[in-house]
N, C-alpha and C. Protein backbone atom coordinates (compact mmCIF):
# COMPACT_ATOMS: atom_id res chain seq x y z
N MET A 1 -30.46 119.43 -15.27
CA MET A 1 -31.36 120.40 -14.64
C MET A 1 -32.77 120.21 -15.19
N ASP A 2 -33.74 120.28 -14.31
CA ASP A 2 -35.14 120.14 -14.69
C ASP A 2 -35.60 121.38 -15.44
N SER A 3 -36.53 121.18 -16.36
CA SER A 3 -37.11 122.33 -17.05
C SER A 3 -38.57 122.03 -17.37
N VAL A 4 -39.33 123.10 -17.49
CA VAL A 4 -40.74 122.98 -17.85
C VAL A 4 -41.06 124.10 -18.83
N SER A 5 -41.83 123.77 -19.86
CA SER A 5 -42.26 124.81 -20.80
C SER A 5 -43.66 125.27 -20.40
N PHE A 6 -43.95 126.52 -20.70
CA PHE A 6 -45.21 127.17 -20.31
C PHE A 6 -45.64 128.04 -21.48
N GLU A 7 -46.53 127.53 -22.32
CA GLU A 7 -46.95 128.22 -23.53
C GLU A 7 -48.42 128.62 -23.40
N ILE A 8 -48.71 129.91 -23.54
CA ILE A 8 -50.07 130.42 -23.41
C ILE A 8 -50.68 130.65 -24.79
N ARG A 9 -51.92 130.19 -24.95
CA ARG A 9 -52.66 130.41 -26.19
C ARG A 9 -54.07 130.83 -25.81
N HIS A 10 -54.57 131.89 -26.42
CA HIS A 10 -55.95 132.33 -26.17
C HIS A 10 -56.86 131.62 -27.15
N ARG A 11 -57.90 130.99 -26.64
CA ARG A 11 -58.79 130.16 -27.44
C ARG A 11 -59.98 130.96 -27.96
N HIS A 12 -60.64 130.43 -28.99
CA HIS A 12 -61.80 131.09 -29.58
C HIS A 12 -62.98 131.16 -28.62
N ASP A 13 -63.01 130.29 -27.59
CA ASP A 13 -64.12 130.31 -26.64
C ASP A 13 -63.87 131.27 -25.47
N GLY A 14 -62.79 132.03 -25.55
CA GLY A 14 -62.53 133.04 -24.53
C GLY A 14 -61.67 132.56 -23.38
N ALA A 15 -61.33 131.29 -23.34
CA ALA A 15 -60.47 130.77 -22.29
C ALA A 15 -59.01 130.95 -22.70
N ALA A 16 -58.13 130.90 -21.73
CA ALA A 16 -56.69 130.86 -22.01
C ALA A 16 -56.24 129.41 -21.81
N GLU A 17 -55.47 128.91 -22.76
CA GLU A 17 -54.94 127.55 -22.64
C GLU A 17 -53.44 127.63 -22.39
N VAL A 18 -52.99 126.94 -21.36
CA VAL A 18 -51.57 126.88 -21.03
C VAL A 18 -51.10 125.46 -21.29
N ARG A 19 -50.15 125.32 -22.19
CA ARG A 19 -49.58 124.00 -22.48
C ARG A 19 -48.30 123.85 -21.67
N LEU A 20 -48.32 122.86 -20.78
CA LEU A 20 -47.15 122.57 -19.97
C LEU A 20 -46.40 121.40 -20.59
N GLY A 21 -45.09 121.46 -20.55
CA GLY A 21 -44.27 120.38 -21.06
C GLY A 21 -43.04 120.21 -20.19
N GLY A 22 -42.49 119.01 -20.18
CA GLY A 22 -41.29 118.75 -19.39
C GLY A 22 -41.62 118.22 -18.02
N GLU A 23 -40.85 118.67 -17.03
CA GLU A 23 -40.98 118.15 -15.67
C GLU A 23 -41.49 119.23 -14.72
N LEU A 24 -42.57 118.90 -14.02
CA LEU A 24 -43.14 119.80 -13.02
C LEU A 24 -42.84 119.20 -11.65
N ASP A 25 -41.91 119.82 -10.94
CA ASP A 25 -41.45 119.26 -9.67
C ASP A 25 -41.03 120.37 -8.72
N LEU A 26 -40.32 120.01 -7.69
CA LEU A 26 -39.90 120.97 -6.66
C LEU A 26 -39.07 122.11 -7.25
N CYS A 27 -38.29 121.81 -8.27
CA CYS A 27 -37.43 122.84 -8.88
C CYS A 27 -38.21 123.78 -9.80
N THR A 28 -39.17 123.26 -10.54
CA THR A 28 -39.87 124.07 -11.54
C THR A 28 -41.23 124.58 -11.06
N GLY A 29 -41.77 123.98 -10.01
CA GLY A 29 -43.09 124.34 -9.51
C GLY A 29 -43.27 125.81 -9.17
N PRO A 30 -42.32 126.42 -8.44
CA PRO A 30 -42.50 127.82 -8.08
C PRO A 30 -42.63 128.75 -9.29
N ASP A 31 -41.88 128.48 -10.36
CA ASP A 31 -41.98 129.30 -11.56
C ASP A 31 -43.34 129.14 -12.22
N VAL A 32 -43.83 127.90 -12.33
CA VAL A 32 -45.14 127.64 -12.93
C VAL A 32 -46.22 128.31 -12.08
N ALA A 33 -46.13 128.17 -10.77
CA ALA A 33 -47.12 128.78 -9.87
C ALA A 33 -47.14 130.30 -10.05
N SER A 34 -45.98 130.91 -10.14
CA SER A 34 -45.89 132.36 -10.32
C SER A 34 -46.51 132.80 -11.65
N ARG A 35 -46.22 132.06 -12.71
CA ARG A 35 -46.76 132.40 -14.02
C ARG A 35 -48.28 132.24 -14.05
N LEU A 36 -48.79 131.18 -13.42
CA LEU A 36 -50.24 130.98 -13.36
C LEU A 36 -50.91 132.10 -12.57
N ARG A 37 -50.31 132.45 -11.45
CA ARG A 37 -50.87 133.53 -10.62
C ARG A 37 -50.93 134.83 -11.41
N ARG A 38 -49.86 135.13 -12.13
CA ARG A 38 -49.81 136.36 -12.94
C ARG A 38 -50.86 136.32 -14.06
N LEU A 39 -51.00 135.17 -14.71
CA LEU A 39 -52.01 135.02 -15.76
C LEU A 39 -53.41 135.24 -15.20
N LEU A 40 -53.70 134.62 -14.06
CA LEU A 40 -55.02 134.77 -13.45
C LEU A 40 -55.30 136.22 -13.06
N GLN A 41 -54.29 136.91 -12.56
CA GLN A 41 -54.48 138.29 -12.10
C GLN A 41 -54.56 139.31 -13.22
N THR A 42 -53.91 139.03 -14.35
CA THR A 42 -53.83 140.06 -15.40
C THR A 42 -54.69 139.79 -16.62
N SER A 43 -55.13 138.55 -16.82
CA SER A 43 -55.90 138.21 -18.01
C SER A 43 -57.40 138.38 -17.74
N PRO A 44 -58.14 138.86 -18.73
CA PRO A 44 -59.58 139.01 -18.55
C PRO A 44 -60.35 137.69 -18.67
N VAL A 45 -59.69 136.60 -19.01
CA VAL A 45 -60.39 135.33 -19.20
C VAL A 45 -60.94 134.82 -17.86
N GLU A 46 -62.04 134.09 -17.94
CA GLU A 46 -62.65 133.52 -16.75
C GLU A 46 -62.16 132.11 -16.47
N THR A 47 -61.60 131.46 -17.51
CA THR A 47 -61.17 130.07 -17.37
C THR A 47 -59.76 129.92 -17.93
N VAL A 48 -58.93 129.20 -17.17
CA VAL A 48 -57.60 128.84 -17.64
C VAL A 48 -57.56 127.32 -17.76
N VAL A 49 -57.32 126.85 -18.98
CA VAL A 49 -57.25 125.42 -19.27
C VAL A 49 -55.77 125.03 -19.28
N LEU A 50 -55.39 124.12 -18.40
CA LEU A 50 -54.01 123.65 -18.34
C LEU A 50 -53.91 122.32 -19.08
N ASP A 51 -53.20 122.32 -20.20
CA ASP A 51 -52.98 121.11 -21.00
C ASP A 51 -51.74 120.41 -20.45
N LEU A 52 -51.96 119.25 -19.82
CA LEU A 52 -50.88 118.52 -19.16
C LEU A 52 -50.27 117.44 -20.05
N GLY A 53 -50.73 117.33 -21.29
CA GLY A 53 -50.29 116.27 -22.18
C GLY A 53 -48.80 116.24 -22.45
N GLY A 54 -48.13 117.36 -22.30
CA GLY A 54 -46.70 117.42 -22.56
C GLY A 54 -45.82 117.19 -21.35
N LEU A 55 -46.43 116.97 -20.19
CA LEU A 55 -45.62 116.73 -19.00
C LEU A 55 -45.03 115.32 -19.03
N SER A 56 -43.75 115.24 -18.84
CA SER A 56 -43.09 113.93 -18.75
C SER A 56 -42.97 113.48 -17.30
N TYR A 57 -43.15 114.41 -16.36
CA TYR A 57 -43.05 114.09 -14.94
C TYR A 57 -43.81 115.14 -14.15
N CYS A 58 -44.49 114.71 -13.11
CA CYS A 58 -45.20 115.63 -12.21
C CYS A 58 -45.27 114.98 -10.84
N ASP A 59 -44.69 115.62 -9.83
CA ASP A 59 -44.75 115.07 -8.48
C ASP A 59 -45.79 115.84 -7.66
N CYS A 60 -45.78 115.64 -6.36
CA CYS A 60 -46.79 116.27 -5.51
C CYS A 60 -46.71 117.80 -5.54
N THR A 61 -45.56 118.34 -5.90
CA THR A 61 -45.44 119.79 -6.07
C THR A 61 -46.40 120.27 -7.14
N GLY A 62 -46.50 119.51 -8.23
CA GLY A 62 -47.41 119.87 -9.31
C GLY A 62 -48.85 119.88 -8.85
N LEU A 63 -49.24 118.86 -8.08
CA LEU A 63 -50.61 118.81 -7.56
C LEU A 63 -50.87 120.03 -6.68
N ASN A 64 -49.88 120.41 -5.89
CA ASN A 64 -50.02 121.59 -5.05
C ASN A 64 -50.15 122.86 -5.90
N VAL A 65 -49.38 122.96 -6.98
CA VAL A 65 -49.47 124.10 -7.89
C VAL A 65 -50.89 124.19 -8.46
N PHE A 66 -51.44 123.05 -8.90
CA PHE A 66 -52.78 123.04 -9.49
C PHE A 66 -53.85 123.41 -8.45
N ALA A 67 -53.75 122.85 -7.26
CA ALA A 67 -54.74 123.14 -6.21
C ALA A 67 -54.68 124.61 -5.80
N ASN A 68 -53.48 125.15 -5.65
CA ASN A 68 -53.35 126.56 -5.29
C ASN A 68 -53.82 127.48 -6.41
N ALA A 69 -53.58 127.09 -7.65
CA ALA A 69 -54.07 127.88 -8.79
C ALA A 69 -55.59 127.91 -8.78
N GLN A 70 -56.23 126.79 -8.47
CA GLN A 70 -57.69 126.76 -8.40
C GLN A 70 -58.19 127.67 -7.28
N ARG A 71 -57.52 127.62 -6.14
CA ARG A 71 -57.90 128.49 -5.02
C ARG A 71 -57.77 129.96 -5.43
N ASP A 72 -56.65 130.31 -6.05
CA ASP A 72 -56.44 131.69 -6.51
C ASP A 72 -57.49 132.09 -7.53
N ALA A 73 -57.80 131.19 -8.45
CA ALA A 73 -58.81 131.46 -9.48
C ALA A 73 -60.17 131.73 -8.85
N GLU A 74 -60.56 130.90 -7.90
CA GLU A 74 -61.86 131.08 -7.24
C GLU A 74 -61.95 132.43 -6.55
N LEU A 75 -60.86 132.87 -5.94
CA LEU A 75 -60.86 134.18 -5.28
C LEU A 75 -61.08 135.32 -6.27
N LEU A 76 -60.72 135.08 -7.53
CA LEU A 76 -60.87 136.08 -8.59
C LEU A 76 -62.12 135.85 -9.43
N GLY A 77 -62.95 134.88 -9.04
CA GLY A 77 -64.16 134.57 -9.81
C GLY A 77 -63.86 133.82 -11.10
N LYS A 78 -62.76 133.09 -11.13
CA LYS A 78 -62.33 132.36 -12.31
C LYS A 78 -62.23 130.87 -11.99
N SER A 79 -61.82 130.08 -12.98
CA SER A 79 -61.66 128.65 -12.73
C SER A 79 -60.49 128.08 -13.52
N ILE A 80 -60.04 126.93 -13.07
CA ILE A 80 -58.96 126.17 -13.70
C ILE A 80 -59.55 124.85 -14.17
N VAL A 81 -59.14 124.39 -15.36
CA VAL A 81 -59.51 123.07 -15.85
C VAL A 81 -58.22 122.37 -16.29
N LEU A 82 -57.98 121.19 -15.79
CA LEU A 82 -56.83 120.39 -16.19
C LEU A 82 -57.26 119.47 -17.32
N THR A 83 -56.46 119.41 -18.40
CA THR A 83 -56.79 118.54 -19.52
C THR A 83 -55.61 117.64 -19.87
N ARG A 84 -55.93 116.53 -20.49
CA ARG A 84 -54.98 115.55 -21.02
C ARG A 84 -53.98 115.01 -20.01
N PRO A 85 -54.39 114.72 -18.78
CA PRO A 85 -53.43 114.04 -17.89
C PRO A 85 -53.19 112.64 -18.43
N ARG A 86 -51.96 112.20 -18.46
CA ARG A 86 -51.60 110.92 -19.06
C ARG A 86 -50.96 109.99 -18.04
N GLY A 87 -51.09 108.71 -18.31
CA GLY A 87 -50.36 107.67 -17.57
C GLY A 87 -50.48 107.75 -16.07
N LEU A 88 -49.33 107.78 -15.43
CA LEU A 88 -49.27 107.78 -13.97
C LEU A 88 -49.98 108.99 -13.38
N LEU A 89 -49.84 110.15 -14.02
CA LEU A 89 -50.50 111.35 -13.50
C LEU A 89 -52.01 111.16 -13.48
N ARG A 90 -52.57 110.57 -14.52
CA ARG A 90 -54.01 110.31 -14.55
C ARG A 90 -54.41 109.36 -13.42
N ARG A 91 -53.60 108.33 -13.19
CA ARG A 91 -53.89 107.37 -12.12
C ARG A 91 -53.81 108.04 -10.75
N VAL A 92 -52.84 108.93 -10.56
CA VAL A 92 -52.73 109.66 -9.30
C VAL A 92 -53.96 110.54 -9.10
N PHE A 93 -54.36 111.28 -10.13
CA PHE A 93 -55.56 112.11 -10.03
C PHE A 93 -56.76 111.27 -9.62
N ASP A 94 -56.92 110.11 -10.26
CA ASP A 94 -58.05 109.24 -9.94
C ASP A 94 -57.97 108.71 -8.51
N SER A 95 -56.78 108.28 -8.09
CA SER A 95 -56.66 107.65 -6.77
C SER A 95 -56.87 108.63 -5.62
N VAL A 96 -56.49 109.89 -5.82
CA VAL A 96 -56.67 110.88 -4.75
C VAL A 96 -57.92 111.74 -4.98
N GLN A 97 -58.72 111.37 -5.99
CA GLN A 97 -59.95 112.09 -6.32
C GLN A 97 -59.69 113.58 -6.51
N PHE A 98 -58.65 113.87 -7.31
CA PHE A 98 -58.25 115.25 -7.53
C PHE A 98 -59.30 116.05 -8.28
N GLY A 99 -60.20 115.36 -8.96
CA GLY A 99 -61.31 116.03 -9.63
C GLY A 99 -62.24 116.75 -8.67
N ARG A 100 -62.15 116.44 -7.40
CA ARG A 100 -62.93 117.18 -6.39
C ARG A 100 -62.29 118.52 -6.05
N VAL A 101 -61.02 118.67 -6.42
CA VAL A 101 -60.28 119.90 -6.14
C VAL A 101 -60.25 120.81 -7.37
N VAL A 102 -59.95 120.22 -8.52
CA VAL A 102 -59.82 120.95 -9.79
C VAL A 102 -60.56 120.15 -10.86
N ARG A 103 -61.29 120.85 -11.73
CA ARG A 103 -61.97 120.15 -12.83
C ARG A 103 -60.95 119.50 -13.75
N ILE A 104 -61.27 118.28 -14.23
CA ILE A 104 -60.38 117.53 -15.10
C ILE A 104 -61.16 117.07 -16.32
N ALA A 105 -60.59 117.30 -17.52
CA ALA A 105 -61.17 116.83 -18.77
C ALA A 105 -60.12 116.00 -19.50
N ASP A 106 -60.57 115.01 -20.25
CA ASP A 106 -59.62 114.17 -20.98
C ASP A 106 -58.91 114.91 -22.09
N GLU A 107 -59.63 115.77 -22.81
CA GLU A 107 -59.05 116.51 -23.92
C GLU A 107 -59.43 117.98 -23.81
N ALA A 108 -58.54 118.84 -24.26
CA ALA A 108 -58.77 120.29 -24.18
C ALA A 108 -60.00 120.71 -24.96
N ASN A 109 -60.26 120.06 -26.11
CA ASN A 109 -61.40 120.46 -26.92
C ASN A 109 -62.72 119.92 -26.37
N GLN A 110 -62.67 119.06 -25.36
CA GLN A 110 -63.90 118.57 -24.74
C GLN A 110 -64.45 119.56 -23.74
N PHE A 111 -63.61 120.47 -23.27
CA PHE A 111 -64.04 121.43 -22.27
C PHE A 111 -64.74 122.59 -22.96
N ASP A 112 -65.92 122.91 -22.49
CA ASP A 112 -66.66 124.05 -23.02
C ASP A 112 -67.34 124.72 -21.84
N ASP A 113 -66.88 125.91 -21.49
CA ASP A 113 -67.41 126.62 -20.32
C ASP A 113 -68.42 127.69 -20.70
N ARG A 114 -68.87 127.68 -21.95
CA ARG A 114 -69.86 128.68 -22.35
C ARG A 114 -71.18 128.40 -21.65
N GLU A 115 -71.93 129.44 -21.42
CA GLU A 115 -73.23 129.31 -20.78
C GLU A 115 -74.10 128.34 -21.57
N GLY A 116 -74.74 127.44 -20.86
CA GLY A 116 -75.61 126.48 -21.50
C GLY A 116 -74.92 125.17 -21.84
N SER A 117 -73.61 125.12 -21.67
CA SER A 117 -72.89 123.88 -21.94
C SER A 117 -73.21 122.86 -20.86
N SER A 118 -73.35 121.62 -21.27
CA SER A 118 -73.67 120.58 -20.30
C SER A 118 -72.46 120.20 -19.48
N GLY A 119 -71.25 120.40 -20.02
CA GLY A 119 -70.04 120.01 -19.31
C GLY A 119 -69.93 118.50 -19.17
N ALA A 120 -70.66 117.76 -19.99
CA ALA A 120 -70.72 116.31 -19.84
C ALA A 120 -69.38 115.64 -20.04
N ASP A 121 -68.47 116.27 -20.76
CA ASP A 121 -67.18 115.66 -21.02
C ASP A 121 -66.15 115.96 -19.93
N VAL A 122 -66.52 116.75 -18.95
CA VAL A 122 -65.61 117.11 -17.87
C VAL A 122 -65.78 116.11 -16.74
N ALA A 123 -64.68 115.57 -16.25
CA ALA A 123 -64.74 114.60 -15.16
C ALA A 123 -65.12 115.32 -13.87
N GLU A 124 -66.20 114.92 -13.31
CA GLU A 124 -66.68 115.48 -12.04
C GLU A 124 -66.59 114.42 -10.97
N PRO A 125 -66.48 114.81 -9.70
CA PRO A 125 -66.41 113.83 -8.60
C PRO A 125 -67.70 113.03 -8.46
């Protein structure tokens, strides 16, 4: 059976960081989507950073989860940042220009959404 871990940590910069691990696919996607939606609706943070470094597998369901989370975040005046995509997932993001849909950073500590930040370390389209 597929499983995915979902660990929330509140950062010193005011963002919430969600560390995903395991497999994000058709079986686990709905649970991750529901948890992200709940986090966006109930947390006062303006930015949710999704650390993808622990994912061992992510199919198109995962991309849909991320895109829908960004849409939900925008409706609430918030944003999503994906960090540490590895291997094949990074290549998929690059090939479909997923950075045009959701902000992508190589490392979680490279992202800084405080006012005045250049955001130079965040991959932009």
